[in-house]
C-alpha atoms as a PDB file:
ATOM      1  CA  MET A   1     169.921 122.563 120.059  1.00  0.00           C
ATOM      2  CA  TYR A   2     171.813 120.209 117.710  1.00  0.00           C
ATOM      3  CA  GLN A   3     171.144 116.485 117.460  1.00  0.00           C
ATOM      4  CA  ASP A   4     173.226 113.748 115.863  1.00  0.00           C
ATOM      5  CA  GLN A   5     172.187 113.064 112.265  1.00  0.00           C
ATOM      6  CA  THR A   6     172.781 109.879 110.319  1.00  0.00           C
ATOM      7  CA  LEU A   7     173.810 110.695 106.753  1.00  0.00           C
ATOM      8  CA  THR A   8     174.735 108.563 103.739  1.00  0.00           C
ATOM      9  CA  CYS A   9     178.068 109.093 101.984  1.00  0.00           C
ATOM     10  CA  GLU A  10     177.618 109.957  98.311  1.00  0.00           C
ATOM     11  CA  ASP A  11     180.902 108.243  97.391  1.00  0.00           C
ATOM     12  CA  CYS A  12     180.860 104.899  99.215  1.00  0.00           C
ATOM     13  CA  GLY A  13     177.194 104.690 100.287  1.00  0.00           C
ATOM     14  CA  LYS A  14     177.999 104.004 103.953  1.00  0.00           C
ATOM     15  CA  GLU A  15     176.060 105.698 106.715  1.00  0.00           C
ATOM     16  CA  PHE A  16     177.956 108.032 109.045  1.00  0.00           C
ATOM     17  CA  VAL A  17     177.016 110.231 111.985  1.00  0.00           C
ATOM     18  CA  PHE A  18     177.130 114.016 111.687  1.00  0.00           C
ATOM     19  CA  SER A  19     177.400 114.669 115.417  1.00  0.00           C
ATOM     20  CA  ALA A  20     175.909 117.577 117.335  1.00  0.00           C
ATOM     21  CA  GLY A  21     179.450 118.787 118.091  1.00  0.00           C
ATOM     22  CA  GLU A  22     180.368 118.755 114.401  1.00  0.00           C
ATOM     23  CA  GLN A  23     177.175 120.624 113.570  1.00  0.00           C
ATOM     24  CA  GLU A  24     178.023 123.282 116.143  1.00  0.00           C
ATOM     25  CA  PHE A  25     181.548 123.582 114.703  1.00  0.00           C
ATOM     26  CA  TYR A  26     180.133 123.967 111.167  1.00  0.00           C
ATOM     27  CA  ALA A  27     177.756 126.676 112.409  1.00  0.00           C
ATOM     28  CA  GLN A  28     180.605 128.562 114.117  1.00  0.00           C
ATOM     29  CA  LYS A  29     182.583 128.516 110.859  1.00  0.00           C
ATOM     30  CA  GLY A  30     179.556 129.742 108.886  1.00  0.00           C
ATOM     31  CA  LEU A  31     179.174 126.469 106.979  1.00  0.00           C
ATOM     32  CA  THR A  32     175.558 125.824 106.079  1.00  0.00           C
ATOM     33  CA  ASN A  33     175.714 122.566 104.081  1.00  0.00           C
ATOM     34  CA  THR A  34     175.844 119.161 105.710  1.00  0.00           C
ATOM     35  CA  PRO A  35     178.754 116.933 104.661  1.00  0.00           C
ATOM     36  CA  LYS A  36     178.094 114.707 101.668  1.00  0.00           C
ATOM     37  CA  ARG A  37     180.985 112.328 102.325  1.00  0.00           C
ATOM     38  CA  CYS A  38     181.965 110.210 105.314  1.00  0.00           C
ATOM     39  CA  PRO A  39     185.210 111.118 107.132  1.00  0.00           C
ATOM     40  CA  GLU A  40     187.138 108.340 105.351  1.00  0.00           C
ATOM     41  CA  CYS A  41     186.057 109.481 101.878  1.00  0.00           C
ATOM     42  CA  ARG A  42     186.761 113.142 102.783  1.00  0.00           C
ATOM     43  CA  LYS A  43     190.298 112.150 103.786  1.00  0.00           C
ATOM     44  CA  ILE A  44     190.841 110.234 100.531  1.00  0.00           C
ATOM     45  CA  ARG A  45     189.498 113.172  98.502  1.00  0.00           C
ATOM     46  CA  ARG A  46     191.831 115.643 100.269  1.00  0.00           C
ATOM     47  CA  GLN A  47     194.830 113.410  99.634  1.00  0.00           C
ATOM     48  CA  LYS A  48     193.990 113.086  95.933  1.00  0.00           C
ATOM     49  CA  SER A  49     193.669 116.842  95.520  1.00  0.00           C
ATOM     50  CA  ARG A  50     197.152 117.562  96.837  1.00  0.00           C
ATOM     51  CA  ARG A  51     199.688 118.489  94.237  1.00  0.00           C
ATOM     52  CA  LYS A  52     202.339 116.043  93.223  1.00  0.00           C
ATOM     53  CA  MET A  53     205.746 117.249  94.355  1.00  0.00           C
ATOM     54  CA  TYR A  54     208.957 116.692  92.396  1.00  0.00           C
ATOM     55  CA  SER A  55     212.512 116.414  93.716  1.00  0.00           C
ATOM     56  CA  ALA A  56     215.025 118.991  92.497  1.00  0.00           C
ATOM     57  CA  ILE A  57     218.384 120.486  93.395  1.00  0.00           C
ATOM     58  CA  CYS A  58     218.449 124.204  94.215  1.00  0.00           C
ATOM     59  CA  SER A  59     220.390 126.107  91.548  1.00  0.00           C
ATOM     60  CA  LYS A  60     221.708 128.568  94.125  1.00  0.00           C
ATOM     61  CA  CYS A  61     222.703 126.565  97.233  1.00  0.00           C
ATOM     62  CA  GLY A  62     222.669 122.972  95.926  1.00  0.00           C
ATOM     63  CA  ALA A  63     220.212 121.713  98.545  1.00  0.00           C
ATOM     64  CA  GLU A  64     217.699 119.011  97.664  1.00  0.00           C
ATOM     65  CA  THR A  65     214.181 120.447  97.589  1.00  0.00           C
ATOM     66  CA  LYS A  66     210.631 119.597  96.493  1.00  0.00           C
ATOM     67  CA  VAL A  67     208.743 121.710  93.957  1.00  0.00           C
ATOM     68  CA  PRO A  68     205.120 121.525  92.694  1.00  0.00           C
ATOM     69  CA  PHE A  69     206.191 121.384  89.024  1.00  0.00           C
ATOM     70  CA  LYS A  70     208.302 119.038  86.949  1.00  0.00           C
ATOM     71  CA  PRO A  71     211.761 120.609  86.697  1.00  0.00           C
ATOM     72  CA  THR A  72     212.928 121.281  83.147  1.00  0.00           C
ATOM     73  CA  GLU A  73     216.565 120.690  82.296  1.00  0.00           C
ATOM     74  CA  GLY A  74     218.367 123.989  81.742  1.00  0.00           C
ATOM     75  CA  LYS A  75     215.894 125.998  83.856  1.00  0.00           C
ATOM     76  CA  GLU A  76     216.853 127.155  87.325  1.00  0.00           C
ATOM     77  CA  VAL A  77     215.012 125.794  90.361  1.00  0.00           C
ATOM     78  CA  PHE A  78     215.332 127.307  93.829  1.00  0.00           C
ATOM     79  CA  CYS A  79     214.606 125.992  97.312  1.00  0.00           C
ATOM     80  CA  LYS A  80     212.141 127.886  99.471  1.00  0.00           C
ATOM     81  CA  GLU A  81     214.842 129.736 101.420  1.00  0.00           C
ATOM     82  CA  CYS A  82     216.785 130.891  98.344  1.00  0.00           C
ATOM     83  CA  TYR A  83     213.561 131.909  96.602  1.00  0.00           C
ATOM     84  CA  LYS A  84     212.563 134.041  99.611  1.00  0.00           C
ATOM     85  CA  GLN A  85     216.004 135.693  99.649  1.00  0.00           C
ATOM     86  CA  MET A  86     215.686 136.510  95.961  1.00  0.00           C
ATOM     87  CA  GLN A  87     212.203 137.972  96.504  1.00  0.00           C
ATOM     88  CA  LYS A  88     213.486 140.186  99.346  1.00  0.00           C
ATOM     89  CA  ALA A  89     216.437 141.345  97.227  1.00  0.00           C
ATOM     90  CA  SER A  90     214.233 142.270  94.267  1.00  0.00           C
ATOM     91  CA  ALA A  91     211.745 144.087  96.534  1.00  0.00           C
ATOM     92  CA  THR A  92     214.470 146.311  97.998  1.00  0.00           C
ATOM     93  CA  ALA A  93     216.100 147.032  94.612  1.00  0.00           C
END
C-alpha cells in the first residue's frame, strides 16, 4: 500500500527517504502531511525549541534544581518535589 518516497528537506536541501513504514506510522497517528525536513534537521529544530533551563537552589529544602525561568534575587524558587508538596497542601486546605 505504501511505497518509499524521496523528499527534499526545506532547510538543508538534502534528499531523504520517507519510508513506507514511516508513512504507515504517520497514518496510524492521523498525520496527513509529509515531513518537510530530513531527520537531522528535525532533530536540530526540536533541540532549538526546548526551553533554556536555569540552575537554582530550592528555597524550602536547599536542593539544587533546574527551572525554566531566570531566578530573581529575593523571590522564592522551589524544586519539583517541594512545589508538588505545596500544591497538595493548598488543595487540601
